[in-house]
N, C-alpha and C. Protein backbone atom coordinates (compact mmCIF):
# COMPACT_ATOMS: atom_id res chain seq x y z
N UNK A 1 16.33 -6.79 21.19
CA UNK A 1 15.10 -7.80 21.92
C UNK A 1 13.64 -6.82 21.86
N UNK A 2 13.76 -6.16 21.67
CA UNK A 2 12.13 -5.07 20.64
C UNK A 2 12.09 -5.66 19.30
N UNK A 3 13.00 -5.63 18.48
CA UNK A 3 13.07 -6.08 17.56
C UNK A 3 12.50 -7.64 17.18
N UNK A 4 12.92 -8.50 17.86
CA UNK A 4 12.15 -9.89 18.20
C UNK A 4 10.94 -9.92 18.96
N UNK A 5 10.86 -8.74 20.24
CA UNK A 5 9.31 -8.81 20.26
C UNK A 5 8.21 -8.74 19.02
N UNK A 6 8.59 -7.65 18.58
CA UNK A 6 7.63 -6.91 17.53
C UNK A 6 7.72 -8.14 16.20
N UNK A 7 8.66 -8.96 16.13
CA UNK A 7 8.44 -10.15 15.06
C UNK A 7 7.38 -11.38 15.33
N UNK A 8 8.04 -11.79 16.71
CA UNK A 8 6.92 -12.70 17.53
C UNK A 8 5.18 -11.88 17.33
N UNK A 9 5.54 -10.69 17.78
CA UNK A 9 4.17 -10.13 17.82
C UNK A 9 3.37 -10.17 16.38
N UNK A 10 4.18 -9.80 15.32
CA UNK A 10 3.56 -9.68 14.01
C UNK A 10 3.11 -11.44 13.60
N UNK A 11 4.24 -12.30 13.56
CA UNK A 11 3.67 -13.68 13.29
C UNK A 11 2.58 -13.80 13.88
N UNK A 12 2.39 -13.78 15.41
CA UNK A 12 1.46 -14.08 15.69
C UNK A 12 -0.36 -13.96 15.56
N UNK A 13 0.19 -12.80 15.20
CA UNK A 13 -1.15 -11.92 15.32
C UNK A 13 -2.07 -10.96 13.83
N UNK A 14 -0.49 -11.07 12.60
CA UNK A 14 -0.81 -10.69 11.78
C UNK A 14 -2.55 -11.33 11.00
N UNK A 15 -3.18 -10.51 10.76
CA UNK A 15 -4.94 -11.14 10.23
C UNK A 15 -4.15 -12.40 8.63
N UNK A 16 -2.91 -11.91 8.53
CA UNK A 16 -2.90 -12.57 7.24
C UNK A 16 -1.36 -12.84 7.02
N UNK A 17 -0.58 -14.29 7.00
CA UNK A 17 0.57 -13.98 6.93
C UNK A 17 0.69 -14.02 5.12
N UNK A 18 1.44 -12.93 4.66
CA UNK A 18 1.33 -13.37 3.26
C UNK A 18 2.67 -14.66 2.74
N UNK A 19 2.44 -15.60 1.76
CA UNK A 19 3.78 -16.24 1.48
C UNK A 19 4.03 -15.68 0.43
N UNK A 20 5.33 -15.40 0.14
CA UNK A 20 5.27 -14.38 -1.38
C UNK A 20 5.95 -15.94 -1.76
N UNK A 21 6.45 -16.17 -1.19
CA UNK A 21 7.85 -17.28 -2.00
C UNK A 21 6.52 -18.32 -2.60
N UNK A 22 5.62 -18.45 -2.40
CA UNK A 22 4.56 -19.52 -2.83
C UNK A 22 4.23 -18.50 -3.79
N UNK A 23 3.41 -17.80 -3.92
CA UNK A 23 2.57 -17.40 -4.71
C UNK A 23 3.56 -17.48 -5.79
N UNK A 24 5.15 -16.86 -5.95
CA UNK A 24 5.84 -16.47 -6.65
C UNK A 24 6.01 -18.35 -7.87
N UNK A 25 6.27 -19.08 -7.00
CA UNK A 25 6.03 -20.35 -7.34
C UNK A 25 4.80 -20.68 -8.22
N UNK A 26 3.64 -20.14 -8.02
CA UNK A 26 2.16 -20.22 -8.60
C UNK A 26 2.35 -19.28 -9.85
N UNK A 27 3.20 -18.76 -9.61
CA UNK A 27 3.27 -17.60 -10.93
C UNK A 27 3.10 -16.16 -11.14
N UNK A 28 2.47 -15.77 -9.68
CA UNK A 28 2.80 -14.08 -9.52
C UNK A 28 4.58 -13.87 -9.92
N UNK A 29 4.19 -12.52 -10.37
CA UNK A 29 5.28 -11.91 -11.42
C UNK A 29 5.72 -10.56 -10.54
N UNK A 30 7.24 -10.45 -9.54
CA UNK A 30 7.33 -9.49 -8.50
C UNK A 30 8.76 -8.47 -9.09
N UNK A 31 8.60 -7.45 -9.13
CA UNK A 31 9.92 -7.19 -9.61
C UNK A 31 10.77 -6.97 -8.21
N UNK A 32 11.91 -5.86 -8.19
CA UNK A 32 12.43 -5.72 -7.16
C UNK A 32 12.28 -4.48 -6.39
N UNK A 33 12.94 -4.54 -5.29
CA UNK A 33 12.72 -3.42 -4.22
C UNK A 33 11.22 -3.11 -4.03
N UNK A 34 10.39 -4.23 -3.58
CA UNK A 34 8.65 -4.45 -3.77
C UNK A 34 8.36 -4.87 -2.09
N UNK A 35 8.16 -3.73 -1.67
CA UNK A 35 7.41 -3.63 -0.09
C UNK A 35 5.52 -4.28 -0.17
N UNK A 36 5.60 -4.94 0.60
CA UNK A 36 4.32 -5.35 0.42
C UNK A 36 3.99 -5.44 2.44
N UNK A 37 2.75 -4.86 2.66
CA UNK A 37 2.91 -5.10 4.27
C UNK A 37 2.41 -5.74 4.52
N UNK A 38 1.98 -6.15 6.10
CA UNK A 38 0.88 -6.84 6.58
C UNK A 38 -0.26 -7.22 6.07
N UNK A 39 -1.36 -7.97 5.84
CA UNK A 39 -2.29 -8.06 5.59
C UNK A 39 -2.63 -7.99 4.27
N UNK A 40 -2.14 -7.87 3.42
CA UNK A 40 -2.40 -7.97 2.05
C UNK A 40 -3.04 -9.76 1.18
N UNK A 41 -3.68 -9.32 0.49
CA UNK A 41 -4.19 -10.26 0.36
C UNK A 41 -4.26 -10.75 -1.61
N UNK A 42 -3.08 -10.95 -2.12
CA UNK A 42 -2.95 -11.41 -3.09
C UNK A 42 -3.98 -12.71 -3.91
N UNK A 43 -4.93 -12.89 -4.80
CA UNK A 43 -5.62 -13.46 -5.40
C UNK A 43 -5.00 -15.21 -5.44
N UNK A 44 -4.77 -16.05 -4.58
CA UNK A 44 -3.46 -17.21 -4.91
C UNK A 44 -4.15 -17.93 -5.76
N UNK A 45 -5.46 -18.36 -6.06
CA UNK A 45 -6.07 -19.08 -7.18
C UNK A 45 -5.96 -18.28 -8.50
N UNK A 46 -5.55 -17.17 -8.93
CA UNK A 46 -5.33 -16.34 -9.99
C UNK A 46 -4.17 -15.74 -9.91
N UNK A 47 -2.69 -15.82 -9.09
CA UNK A 47 -1.86 -15.24 -9.03
C UNK A 47 -1.13 -15.15 -10.17
N UNK A 48 -1.10 -15.89 -10.98
CA UNK A 48 -0.28 -15.99 -12.20
C UNK A 48 -0.49 -14.88 -13.40
N UNK A 49 -1.69 -13.88 -12.38
CA UNK A 49 -2.30 -13.29 -13.69
C UNK A 49 -2.50 -11.56 -12.88
N UNK A 50 -1.13 -11.94 -12.79
CA UNK A 50 -1.02 -10.74 -11.32
C UNK A 50 0.52 -10.28 -11.38
N UNK A 51 1.33 -9.08 -12.45
CA UNK A 51 2.33 -8.82 -12.31
C UNK A 51 2.78 -7.56 -11.19
N UNK A 52 3.42 -7.49 -10.42
CA UNK A 52 4.23 -6.18 -9.79
C UNK A 52 5.52 -5.64 -10.45
N UNK A 53 5.15 -4.48 -10.92
CA UNK A 53 6.80 -4.06 -11.53
C UNK A 53 7.85 -3.86 -9.92
N UNK A 54 8.87 -2.90 -10.47
CA UNK A 54 9.65 -2.16 -9.13
C UNK A 54 9.67 -1.81 -8.52
N UNK A 55 10.08 -1.36 -7.13
CA UNK A 55 10.08 -0.35 -6.53
C UNK A 55 8.35 0.14 -6.12
N UNK A 56 7.96 -1.00 -6.12
CA UNK A 56 6.44 -0.67 -5.39
C UNK A 56 6.16 -0.89 -4.50
N UNK A 57 5.67 -0.42 -3.36
CA UNK A 57 4.94 -0.21 -2.23
C UNK A 57 3.13 -0.74 -2.17
N UNK A 58 2.69 -1.50 -1.49
CA UNK A 58 1.38 -2.08 -1.37
C UNK A 58 1.38 -1.85 0.05
N UNK A 59 0.38 -1.36 0.93
CA UNK A 59 0.57 -1.28 2.26
C UNK A 59 -0.50 -1.81 2.28
N UNK A 60 -0.96 -1.86 3.94
CA UNK A 60 -1.33 -3.05 4.94
C UNK A 60 -2.86 -3.06 4.54
N UNK A 61 -3.33 -4.79 4.13
CA UNK A 61 -5.37 -4.99 4.11
C UNK A 61 -5.87 -4.83 2.29
N UNK A 62 -4.06 -4.62 1.61
CA UNK A 62 -4.78 -4.52 -0.14
C UNK A 62 -5.10 -5.52 -0.41
N UNK A 63 -5.84 -5.74 -1.32
CA UNK A 63 -6.42 -7.03 -2.00
C UNK A 63 -6.24 -7.15 -3.52
N UNK A 64 -5.94 -7.99 -4.26
CA UNK A 64 -5.32 -7.69 -5.48
C UNK A 64 -6.31 -9.17 -5.81
N UNK A 65 -7.27 -8.49 -6.23
CA UNK A 65 -8.23 -10.36 -7.28
C UNK A 65 -8.32 -10.07 -8.36
N UNK A 66 -7.96 -11.46 -8.93
CA UNK A 66 -7.72 -10.75 -10.58
C UNK A 66 -8.68 -12.03 -10.94
N UNK A 67 -9.82 -12.52 -10.58
CA UNK A 67 -11.13 -12.94 -10.25
C UNK A 67 -12.59 -12.03 -9.87
N UNK A 68 -13.71 -12.49 -10.88
CA UNK A 68 -15.04 -12.49 -10.08
C UNK A 68 -15.37 -13.41 -10.27
N UNK A 69 -16.12 -13.73 -9.31
CA UNK A 69 -16.94 -15.14 -9.30
C UNK A 69 -18.45 -15.06 -8.84
N UNK A 70 -19.14 -13.73 -9.06
CA UNK A 70 -20.23 -13.47 -8.98
C UNK A 70 -21.44 -14.00 -9.59
N UNK A 71 -20.70 -14.23 -11.05
CA UNK A 71 -22.23 -14.74 -11.90
C UNK A 71 -21.93 -16.20 -11.67
N UNK A 72 -21.13 -16.94 -10.97
CA UNK A 72 -20.70 -18.15 -11.54
C UNK A 72 -21.75 -19.77 -11.20
N UNK A 73 -22.83 -19.04 -9.89
CA UNK A 73 -23.40 -19.60 -9.73
C UNK A 73 -24.42 -19.71 -10.75
N UNK A 74 -24.99 -18.88 -11.37
CA UNK A 74 -26.04 -18.79 -13.02
C UNK A 74 -25.38 -19.07 -13.77
N UNK A 75 -24.11 -18.24 -14.52
CA UNK A 75 -23.26 -18.73 -15.94
C UNK A 75 -22.28 -19.69 -15.68
N UNK A 76 -21.82 -20.08 -14.77
CA UNK A 76 -21.07 -21.78 -14.46
C UNK A 76 -19.64 -21.11 -14.89
N UNK A 77 -19.36 -19.67 -15.23
CA UNK A 77 -18.45 -19.06 -15.26
C UNK A 77 -17.57 -18.05 -14.53
N UNK A 78 -16.06 -18.16 -14.03
CA UNK A 78 -15.94 -16.61 -13.50
C UNK A 78 -14.65 -15.89 -14.51
N UNK A 79 -15.46 -15.03 -14.23
CA UNK A 79 -14.56 -13.80 -14.67
C UNK A 79 -13.07 -13.78 -14.38
N UNK A 80 -12.11 -13.81 -15.18
CA UNK A 80 -10.51 -13.46 -14.93
C UNK A 80 -9.85 -12.55 -15.47
N UNK A 81 -9.09 -11.93 -15.10
CA UNK A 81 -8.72 -10.80 -16.14
C UNK A 81 -6.68 -10.43 -15.49
N UNK A 82 -5.91 -9.76 -15.81
CA UNK A 82 -4.95 -9.54 -15.33
C UNK A 82 -5.12 -8.33 -14.41
N UNK A 83 -3.77 -7.96 -13.64
CA UNK A 83 -3.39 -7.17 -12.63
C UNK A 83 -2.06 -6.46 -13.31
N UNK A 84 -1.75 -5.74 -13.28
CA UNK A 84 -0.84 -4.99 -13.76
C UNK A 84 -0.09 -4.33 -13.02
N UNK A 85 0.94 -3.80 -12.02
CA UNK A 85 1.06 -2.42 -11.55
C UNK A 85 2.94 -2.23 -11.97
N UNK A 86 2.46 -0.98 -12.10
CA UNK A 86 3.80 -0.58 -13.26
C UNK A 86 4.94 -0.32 -11.90
N UNK A 87 5.95 -0.25 -12.31
CA UNK A 87 7.12 0.62 -11.33
C UNK A 87 6.76 1.67 -10.77
N UNK A 88 6.95 2.01 -9.80
CA UNK A 88 6.90 3.13 -8.58
C UNK A 88 5.62 3.35 -8.18
N UNK A 89 5.18 2.45 -8.58
CA UNK A 89 3.33 2.49 -7.43
C UNK A 89 3.24 2.64 -6.42
N UNK A 90 2.75 3.04 -5.71
CA UNK A 90 1.97 3.10 -4.25
C UNK A 90 0.55 2.94 -4.30
N UNK A 91 0.46 1.59 -3.43
CA UNK A 91 -1.52 1.56 -3.28
C UNK A 91 -1.67 1.81 -1.93
N UNK A 92 -2.25 2.55 -1.58
CA UNK A 92 -2.93 2.82 -0.13
C UNK A 92 -3.40 1.65 0.89
N UNK A 93 -3.61 2.11 2.19
CA UNK A 93 -3.86 0.67 2.83
C UNK A 93 -5.34 0.87 2.18
N UNK A 94 -5.73 -0.63 2.40
CA UNK A 94 -6.93 -1.52 2.18
C UNK A 94 -7.80 -0.78 0.75
N UNK A 95 -6.99 -1.22 0.00
CA UNK A 95 -7.25 -0.38 -1.73
C UNK A 95 -7.97 -2.41 -2.21
N UNK A 96 -8.85 -1.72 -2.77
CA UNK A 96 -8.88 -2.98 -3.74
C UNK A 96 -8.78 -2.78 -5.07
N UNK A 97 -7.96 -3.77 -5.98
CA UNK A 97 -8.04 -3.96 -6.82
C UNK A 97 -8.82 -4.61 -7.48
N UNK A 98 -9.00 -4.46 -8.90
CA UNK A 98 -10.35 -5.86 -9.45
C UNK A 98 -9.17 -6.09 -10.41
N UNK A 99 -10.03 -7.63 -11.01
CA UNK A 99 -9.45 -7.88 -12.58
C UNK A 99 -9.27 -7.06 -13.45
N UNK A 100 -8.31 -7.16 -14.66
CA UNK A 100 -8.43 -6.46 -15.74
C UNK A 100 -8.08 -4.70 -15.56
N UNK A 101 -7.14 -4.77 -14.53
CA UNK A 101 -6.31 -3.25 -14.25
C UNK A 101 -5.21 -2.75 -14.40
N UNK A 102 -4.52 -2.11 -15.11
CA UNK A 102 -3.63 -1.73 -15.11
C UNK A 102 -3.39 -0.56 -14.70
N UNK A 103 -2.35 -0.25 -13.93
CA UNK A 103 -2.01 0.79 -12.78
C UNK A 103 -0.52 1.20 -13.37
N UNK A 104 -1.00 2.33 -13.77
CA UNK A 104 0.80 3.00 -14.64
C UNK A 104 1.73 3.19 -13.88
N UNK A 105 2.80 3.07 -14.38
CA UNK A 105 4.27 4.09 -13.42
C UNK A 105 3.76 4.98 -12.90
N UNK A 106 4.59 5.06 -11.69
CA UNK A 106 4.72 6.34 -10.77
C UNK A 106 3.33 6.97 -10.71
N UNK A 107 2.57 6.09 -10.07
CA UNK A 107 1.63 6.17 -9.91
C UNK A 107 0.96 6.19 -8.22
N UNK A 108 0.00 7.25 -7.56
CA UNK A 108 -0.12 7.02 -6.39
C UNK A 108 -2.00 6.39 -6.39
N UNK A 109 -1.99 5.43 -5.39
CA UNK A 109 -3.56 5.07 -5.04
C UNK A 109 -3.58 5.30 -3.69
N UNK A 110 -4.46 5.97 -3.88
CA UNK A 110 -5.02 6.77 -2.25
C UNK A 110 -5.78 5.51 -1.15
N UNK A 111 -6.02 5.84 -0.44
CA UNK A 111 -5.99 4.62 1.03
C UNK A 111 -7.31 4.69 0.46
N UNK A 112 -8.38 3.45 0.17
CA UNK A 112 -9.40 3.08 0.64
C UNK A 112 -10.03 2.94 -1.06
N UNK A 113 -9.70 2.71 -1.69
CA UNK A 113 -10.13 3.18 -3.20
C UNK A 113 -10.36 1.85 -3.69
N UNK A 114 -11.07 1.57 -4.58
CA UNK A 114 -11.96 0.39 -5.65
C UNK A 114 -11.15 0.97 -6.81
N UNK A 115 -9.99 0.33 -7.62
CA UNK A 115 -9.70 0.21 -8.52
C UNK A 115 -10.40 -0.41 -9.06
N UNK A 116 -11.25 -0.27 -10.13
CA UNK A 116 -12.16 -0.88 -10.76
C UNK A 116 -11.98 -0.79 -12.85
N UNK A 117 -10.58 0.54 -12.95
CA UNK A 117 -10.29 0.81 -14.38
C UNK A 117 -9.09 0.73 -14.18
N UNK A 118 -8.32 1.15 -15.63
CA UNK A 118 -7.21 1.00 -15.67
C UNK A 118 -7.10 2.99 -15.12
N UNK A 119 -5.73 3.14 -14.61
CA UNK A 119 -4.75 4.31 -13.90
C UNK A 119 -3.67 4.67 -15.11
N UNK A 120 -3.79 5.44 -15.69
CA UNK A 120 -2.66 5.95 -16.48
C UNK A 120 -1.35 6.27 -15.49
N UNK A 121 -0.31 6.81 -16.24
CA UNK A 121 1.26 6.39 -15.56
C UNK A 121 1.31 8.41 -15.03
N UNK A 122 1.93 8.84 -13.63
CA UNK A 122 2.09 9.59 -13.40
C UNK A 122 0.65 10.52 -12.24
N UNK A 123 -0.19 9.57 -12.01
CA UNK A 123 -1.29 10.32 -11.72
C UNK A 123 -1.53 10.23 -10.10
N UNK A 124 -2.37 10.82 -9.56
CA UNK A 124 -3.16 10.01 -8.02
C UNK A 124 -4.57 9.74 -8.29
N UNK A 125 -4.88 8.33 -7.62
CA UNK A 125 -5.99 8.64 -7.89
C UNK A 125 -6.48 8.19 -6.55
N UNK A 126 -7.85 8.24 -6.56
CA UNK A 126 -8.62 7.83 -5.20
C UNK A 126 -10.11 7.69 -5.33
N UNK A 127 -10.85 7.15 -4.13
CA UNK A 127 -11.91 6.81 -4.14
C UNK A 127 -12.71 5.28 -4.42
N UNK A 128 -13.94 5.75 -4.46
CA UNK A 128 -15.21 4.19 -4.36
C UNK A 128 -15.91 4.75 -5.25
N UNK A 129 -16.54 4.61 -6.62
CA UNK A 129 -15.54 3.87 -7.57
C UNK A 129 -13.55 5.19 -7.82
N UNK A 130 -12.86 4.54 -7.94
CA UNK A 130 -11.39 5.25 -8.38
C UNK A 130 -11.29 6.64 -9.02
N UNK A 131 -10.93 7.72 -8.94
CA UNK A 131 -11.15 9.10 -9.96
C UNK A 131 -9.92 9.21 -9.79
N UNK A 132 -8.98 9.95 -10.72
CA UNK A 132 -7.96 10.56 -10.98
C UNK A 132 -8.07 11.62 -10.12
N UNK A 133 -7.33 12.37 -9.63
CA UNK A 133 -7.51 13.79 -8.78
C UNK A 133 -6.51 14.80 -9.07
N UNK A 134 -5.38 14.38 -9.31
CA UNK A 134 -3.87 14.98 -10.16
C UNK A 134 -3.30 14.12 -10.30
N UNK A 135 -2.00 15.14 -11.13
CA UNK A 135 -0.96 14.59 -11.38
C UNK A 135 -0.27 14.14 -10.51
N UNK A 136 1.03 13.49 -10.63
CA UNK A 136 1.66 13.17 -9.05
C UNK A 136 3.03 14.53 -9.17
N UNK A 137 2.80 14.68 -10.10
CA UNK A 137 3.62 16.16 -10.21
C UNK A 137 3.58 17.01 -9.26
N UNK A 138 2.22 17.85 -9.62
CA UNK A 138 1.05 18.48 -8.32
C UNK A 138 1.52 18.14 -7.02
N UNK A 139 1.21 17.03 -7.01
CA UNK A 139 0.85 16.20 -5.22
C UNK A 139 1.90 16.55 -4.90
N UNK A 140 2.98 16.25 -5.27
CA UNK A 140 4.63 16.72 -5.07
C UNK A 140 4.91 17.82 -4.72
N UNK A 141 4.39 18.90 -5.66
CA UNK A 141 4.50 20.57 -5.12
C UNK A 141 3.74 20.87 -4.34
N UNK A 142 2.10 20.51 -4.24
CA UNK A 142 1.68 20.59 -2.32
C UNK A 142 2.35 19.96 -1.69
N UNK A 143 3.04 18.69 -0.98
CA UNK A 143 3.58 17.99 -0.53
C UNK A 143 5.14 18.99 -0.09
N UNK A 144 5.68 19.61 -0.85
CA UNK A 144 6.70 20.70 -1.30
C UNK A 144 6.51 22.04 -0.62
N UNK A 145 5.27 22.14 -0.89
CA UNK A 145 4.92 23.60 0.21
C UNK A 145 4.70 23.22 1.83
N UNK A 146 4.12 22.24 2.04
CA UNK A 146 3.76 21.55 3.21
C UNK A 146 5.14 21.45 3.73
N UNK A 147 5.63 20.72 3.57
CA UNK A 147 7.67 20.49 4.51
C UNK A 147 8.07 22.00 4.30
N UNK A 148 7.47 23.18 3.90
CA UNK A 148 7.99 24.53 4.50
C UNK A 148 7.42 24.81 5.39
N UNK A 149 6.12 24.21 5.81
CA UNK A 149 4.74 24.99 6.31
C UNK A 149 5.33 24.20 7.87
N UNK A 150 5.05 22.98 7.90
CA UNK A 150 4.55 21.84 9.41
C UNK A 150 5.86 21.74 9.45
N UNK A 151 6.09 21.16 10.61
CA UNK A 151 6.66 20.27 11.69
C UNK A 151 7.82 19.20 10.75
N UNK A 152 8.77 19.21 10.98
CA UNK A 152 9.91 17.84 10.52
C UNK A 152 10.43 17.00 11.03
N UNK A 153 10.02 15.82 11.65
CA UNK A 153 11.25 14.53 12.71
C UNK A 153 11.92 14.37 11.95
N UNK A 154 13.10 13.81 12.50
CA UNK A 154 14.04 12.90 11.67
C UNK A 154 13.36 11.50 12.10
N UNK A 155 14.12 10.31 11.88
CA UNK A 155 14.05 9.26 12.03
C UNK A 155 13.84 9.15 13.46
N UNK A 156 15.16 9.69 14.20
CA UNK A 156 14.77 8.81 15.68
C UNK A 156 13.47 8.92 16.44
N UNK A 157 12.17 9.80 15.56
CA UNK A 157 11.39 9.97 16.40
C UNK A 157 9.89 9.19 15.74
N UNK A 158 10.46 7.79 15.14
CA UNK A 158 9.84 6.78 14.50
C UNK A 158 9.76 5.41 15.42
N UNK A 159 8.44 5.03 15.26
CA UNK A 159 8.57 3.87 16.53
C UNK A 159 8.75 2.72 15.97
N UNK A 160 9.83 2.64 15.01
CA UNK A 160 11.14 1.45 14.94
C UNK A 160 12.27 2.03 15.40
N UNK A 161 12.47 3.45 16.15
CA UNK A 161 13.32 3.92 16.61
C UNK A 161 13.56 4.00 18.08
N UNK A 162 12.26 3.82 19.03
CA UNK A 162 11.81 3.97 19.99
C UNK A 162 12.25 2.73 20.96
N UNK A 163 12.71 3.03 21.79
CA UNK A 163 13.07 1.49 22.63
C UNK A 163 12.14 1.34 23.75
N UNK A 164 12.21 2.49 24.65
CA UNK A 164 11.31 2.13 25.56
C UNK A 164 9.98 3.12 25.79
N UNK A 165 8.60 2.44 26.42
CA UNK A 165 7.79 3.25 27.09
C UNK A 165 7.51 4.57 27.17
N UNK A 166 8.51 4.92 27.96
CA UNK A 166 8.93 6.18 28.72
C UNK A 166 9.14 7.31 27.85
N UNK A 167 10.42 6.43 26.26
CA UNK A 167 11.00 7.79 25.55
C UNK A 167 9.73 7.80 24.63
N UNK A 168 9.02 6.90 24.27
CA UNK A 168 7.82 6.71 23.55
C UNK A 168 7.03 7.82 23.74
N UNK A 169 7.00 7.91 25.53
CA UNK A 169 5.93 8.96 25.66
C UNK A 169 6.49 10.77 25.53
N UNK A 170 7.48 10.75 25.62
CA UNK A 170 8.28 12.10 25.24
C UNK A 170 8.02 12.50 24.35
N UNK A 171 8.54 11.30 23.68
CA UNK A 171 8.77 12.12 21.45
C UNK A 171 7.28 12.52 21.20
N UNK A 172 6.10 11.60 21.17
CA UNK A 172 4.68 11.87 21.08
C UNK A 172 4.35 12.78 22.14
N UNK A 173 5.24 13.20 22.84
CA UNK A 173 4.25 14.91 23.06
C UNK A 173 4.43 15.48 22.82
N UNK A 174 6.56 15.47 22.58
CA UNK A 174 6.86 16.57 21.92
C UNK A 174 6.34 16.55 20.51
N UNK A 175 5.90 15.42 19.60
CA UNK A 175 5.70 15.90 18.41
C UNK A 175 4.38 16.16 18.50
N UNK A 176 3.45 16.13 19.39
CA UNK A 176 2.13 16.27 19.23
C UNK A 176 1.77 17.94 19.96
N UNK A 177 2.61 18.46 20.40
CA UNK A 177 3.22 19.82 20.88
C UNK A 177 3.32 20.76 20.07
N UNK A 178 4.13 20.14 18.86
CA UNK A 178 4.93 20.84 17.75
C UNK A 178 4.33 20.92 16.58
N UNK A 179 2.88 19.87 16.32
CA UNK A 179 1.94 19.87 15.42
C UNK A 179 0.63 20.47 15.58
N UNK A 180 1.01 22.14 16.21
CA UNK A 180 -0.29 22.62 16.61
C UNK A 180 -1.24 23.01 15.35
N UNK A 181 -0.83 22.81 14.41
CA UNK A 181 -2.01 22.84 13.12
C UNK A 181 -2.56 21.12 12.76
N UNK A 182 -1.88 20.52 13.31
CA UNK A 182 -2.51 19.22 13.36
C UNK A 182 -1.95 18.07 12.48
N UNK A 183 -0.84 18.50 11.46
CA UNK A 183 0.20 17.52 10.97
C UNK A 183 1.29 17.87 11.25
N UNK A 184 2.41 16.85 10.51
CA UNK A 184 4.05 16.53 10.47
C UNK A 184 4.55 15.90 9.88
N UNK A 185 5.37 15.72 9.55
CA UNK A 185 6.06 14.90 8.55
C UNK A 185 6.85 14.35 9.48
N UNK A 186 7.50 12.78 8.94
CA UNK A 186 8.21 12.40 9.61
C UNK A 186 9.26 11.22 8.39
N UNK A 187 10.31 11.62 8.90
CA UNK A 187 11.39 10.66 8.10
C UNK A 187 11.35 9.22 8.14
């Protein structure tokens, strides 16, 4: 019942329901095991210039823009460019990917980033404008160190696993007590 309510809520209140199948028919290329979260906007007028690799996650409210019409009123041309997202890429919440950008495989784009230039493979990049901050290998080493320090919670603590308000409050209180340093990790 909870899953049905969540589905109905998402359908009614999502700011934008992405019709991925329609975009594919219009030329969008999408690999296997791609997760596109709610509110993602893909440039429907130029989606044929966008390619998304395998095992990609695109967080909520990301924009993929393959055109720039800022000069159209004066020059009567709209700039277009390809967006190529490699395999095993993560693009964080509310990022904007501009035309003529390639994001290399195994890279992570931090939340709120303006991706206005190509990003090589195996890096973490963040910011507005975007800049590379470290290698993915160094980022995972940092996470491994944190996993040894901070509390870890199994999947039963995730929102999708909690069925009642009382259970949610109980588990949230437990997690908050354990996260005395402010963070933790959940499966």
